[in-house]
Amino acid sequence: MNLEEKIVYTLNKIRPYIQGDGGDIEFDRIEDDGVVYVKLLGACIGCALSSVTIKMGVESILMDEIPEVTEVRLEETV
């Protein structure tokens, strides 16, 4: 499994929890420095807690499971 596949696999494990609140998450890209960009969709767009979801949830899990990940950032959805 390559790095992007590992990220998508891990996000798919997190996805049901986000969907439970009416939202969703989508992998956008990973930069050479290990920064992962994701998009939040549905009810998560504009949610005041989206930064907490990213930092305390998604980033924590991705960094624990995939050592190459150094940070997770939210790619703003237009």
C-alpha atoms as a PDB file:
ATOM      1  CA  MET A   1       0.000   0.000   0.000  1.00  0.00           C
ATOM      2  CA  ASN A   2       1.456   3.385  -0.970  1.00  0.00           C
ATOM      3  CA  LEU A   3       1.259   6.461   1.262  1.00  0.00           C
ATOM      4  CA  GLU A   4      -1.900   7.916  -0.314  1.00  0.00           C
ATOM      5  CA  GLU A   5      -3.645   4.543  -0.037  1.00  0.00           C
ATOM      6  CA  LYS A   6      -2.695   4.343   3.659  1.00  0.00           C
ATOM      7  CA  ILE A   7      -4.143   7.807   4.251  1.00  0.00           C
ATOM      8  CA  VAL A   8      -7.400   7.014   2.434  1.00  0.00           C
ATOM      9  CA  TYR A   9      -7.663   3.680   4.281  1.00  0.00           C
ATOM     10  CA  THR A  10      -7.244   5.421   7.637  1.00  0.00           C
ATOM     11  CA  LEU A  11      -9.690   8.198   6.719  1.00  0.00           C
ATOM     12  CA  ASN A  12     -12.226   5.528   5.788  1.00  0.00           C
ATOM     13  CA  LYS A  13     -11.980   4.212   9.366  1.00  0.00           C
ATOM     14  CA  ILE A  14     -12.681   7.716  10.722  1.00  0.00           C
ATOM     15  CA  ARG A  15     -15.393   8.570   8.177  1.00  0.00           C
ATOM     16  CA  PRO A  16     -18.373   6.861   9.959  1.00  0.00           C
ATOM     17  CA  TYR A  17     -17.893   9.077  13.030  1.00  0.00           C
ATOM     18  CA  ILE A  18     -17.923  12.231  10.924  1.00  0.00           C
ATOM     19  CA  GLN A  19     -20.873  10.985   8.881  1.00  0.00           C
ATOM     20  CA  GLY A  20     -22.730  10.356  12.128  1.00  0.00           C
ATOM     21  CA  ASP A  21     -22.829  14.133  12.599  1.00  0.00           C
ATOM     22  CA  GLY A  22     -24.015  14.754   9.036  1.00  0.00           C
ATOM     23  CA  GLY A  23     -20.604  15.512   7.573  1.00  0.00           C
ATOM     24  CA  ASP A  24     -17.945  13.745   5.586  1.00  0.00           C
ATOM     25  CA  ILE A  25     -14.202  13.900   4.965  1.00  0.00           C
ATOM     26  CA  GLU A  26     -12.238  13.622   1.751  1.00  0.00           C
ATOM     27  CA  PHE A  27      -8.495  13.266   1.136  1.00  0.00           C
ATOM     28  CA  ASP A  28      -7.159  16.083  -1.064  1.00  0.00           C
ATOM     29  CA  ARG A  29      -3.385  15.681  -1.203  1.00  0.00           C
ATOM     30  CA  ILE A  30      -0.147  15.165   0.715  1.00  0.00           C
ATOM     31  CA  GLU A  31       2.799  17.520   0.339  1.00  0.00           C
ATOM     32  CA  ASP A  32       6.449  16.420   0.280  1.00  0.00           C
ATOM     33  CA  ASP A  33       6.867  17.586   3.892  1.00  0.00           C
ATOM     34  CA  GLY A  34       4.173  15.160   5.090  1.00  0.00           C
ATOM     35  CA  VAL A  35       1.384  17.716   5.452  1.00  0.00           C
ATOM     36  CA  VAL A  36      -1.964  16.144   4.539  1.00  0.00           C
ATOM     37  CA  TYR A  37      -4.805  18.275   3.193  1.00  0.00           C
ATOM     38  CA  VAL A  38      -8.379  17.104   3.654  1.00  0.00           C
ATOM     39  CA  LYS A  39     -11.786  18.557   2.834  1.00  0.00           C
ATOM     40  CA  LEU A  40     -14.730  18.480   5.191  1.00  0.00           C
ATOM     41  CA  LEU A  41     -18.107  18.150   3.518  1.00  0.00           C
ATOM     42  CA  GLY A  42     -21.797  18.284   4.396  1.00  0.00           C
ATOM     43  CA  ALA A  43     -22.679  19.580   7.844  1.00  0.00           C
ATOM     44  CA  CYS A  44     -18.971  20.034   8.614  1.00  0.00           C
ATOM     45  CA  ILE A  45     -18.662  22.960   6.182  1.00  0.00           C
ATOM     46  CA  GLY A  46     -18.564  26.107   8.280  1.00  0.00           C
ATOM     47  CA  CYS A  47     -18.929  24.211  11.548  1.00  0.00           C
ATOM     48  CA  ALA A  48     -17.270  25.993  14.465  1.00  0.00           C
ATOM     49  CA  LEU A  49     -15.800  22.684  15.656  1.00  0.00           C
ATOM     50  CA  SER A  50     -14.206  21.687  12.340  1.00  0.00           C
ATOM     51  CA  SER A  51     -10.726  22.786  13.468  1.00  0.00           C
ATOM     52  CA  VAL A  52     -11.095  20.657  16.607  1.00  0.00           C
ATOM     53  CA  THR A  53     -12.229  17.702  14.486  1.00  0.00           C
ATOM     54  CA  ILE A  54      -9.143  18.083  12.290  1.00  0.00           C
ATOM     55  CA  LYS A  55      -6.511  18.651  14.998  1.00  0.00           C
ATOM     56  CA  MET A  56      -7.752  16.522  17.887  1.00  0.00           C
ATOM     57  CA  GLY A  57      -9.304  13.747  15.828  1.00  0.00           C
ATOM     58  CA  VAL A  58      -8.119  13.324  12.271  1.00  0.00           C
ATOM     59  CA  GLU A  59      -4.555  14.601  12.718  1.00  0.00           C
ATOM     60  CA  SER A  60      -4.013  12.620  15.903  1.00  0.00           C
ATOM     61  CA  ILE A  61      -5.174   9.361  14.323  1.00  0.00           C
ATOM     62  CA  LEU A  62      -3.321   9.840  11.022  1.00  0.00           C
ATOM     63  CA  MET A  63      -0.060  10.738  12.792  1.00  0.00           C
ATOM     64  CA  ASP A  64      -0.381   7.742  15.122  1.00  0.00           C
ATOM     65  CA  GLU A  65      -1.007   5.292  12.287  1.00  0.00           C
ATOM     66  CA  ILE A  66       1.175   6.785   9.530  1.00  0.00           C
ATOM     67  CA  PRO A  67       4.594   8.088  10.658  1.00  0.00           C
ATOM     68  CA  GLU A  68       5.137  10.002   7.394  1.00  0.00           C
ATOM     69  CA  VAL A  69       2.246  12.353   8.235  1.00  0.00           C
ATOM     70  CA  THR A  70       3.531  15.484   9.999  1.00  0.00           C
ATOM     71  CA  GLU A  71       0.357  17.590  10.098  1.00  0.00           C
ATOM     72  CA  VAL A  72      -3.217  17.677   8.802  1.00  0.00           C
ATOM     73  CA  ARG A  73      -4.687  20.869   7.372  1.00  0.00           C
ATOM     74  CA  LEU A  74      -8.147  21.706   6.176  1.00  0.00           C
ATOM     75  CA  GLU A  75      -8.436  22.515   2.474  1.00  0.00           C
ATOM     76  CA  GLU A  76     -11.224  25.061   2.303  1.00  0.00           C
ATOM     77  CA  THR A  77     -14.191  23.969   0.193  1.00  0.00           C
ATOM     78  CA  VAL A  78     -15.597  26.712  -1.996  1.00  0.00           C
END
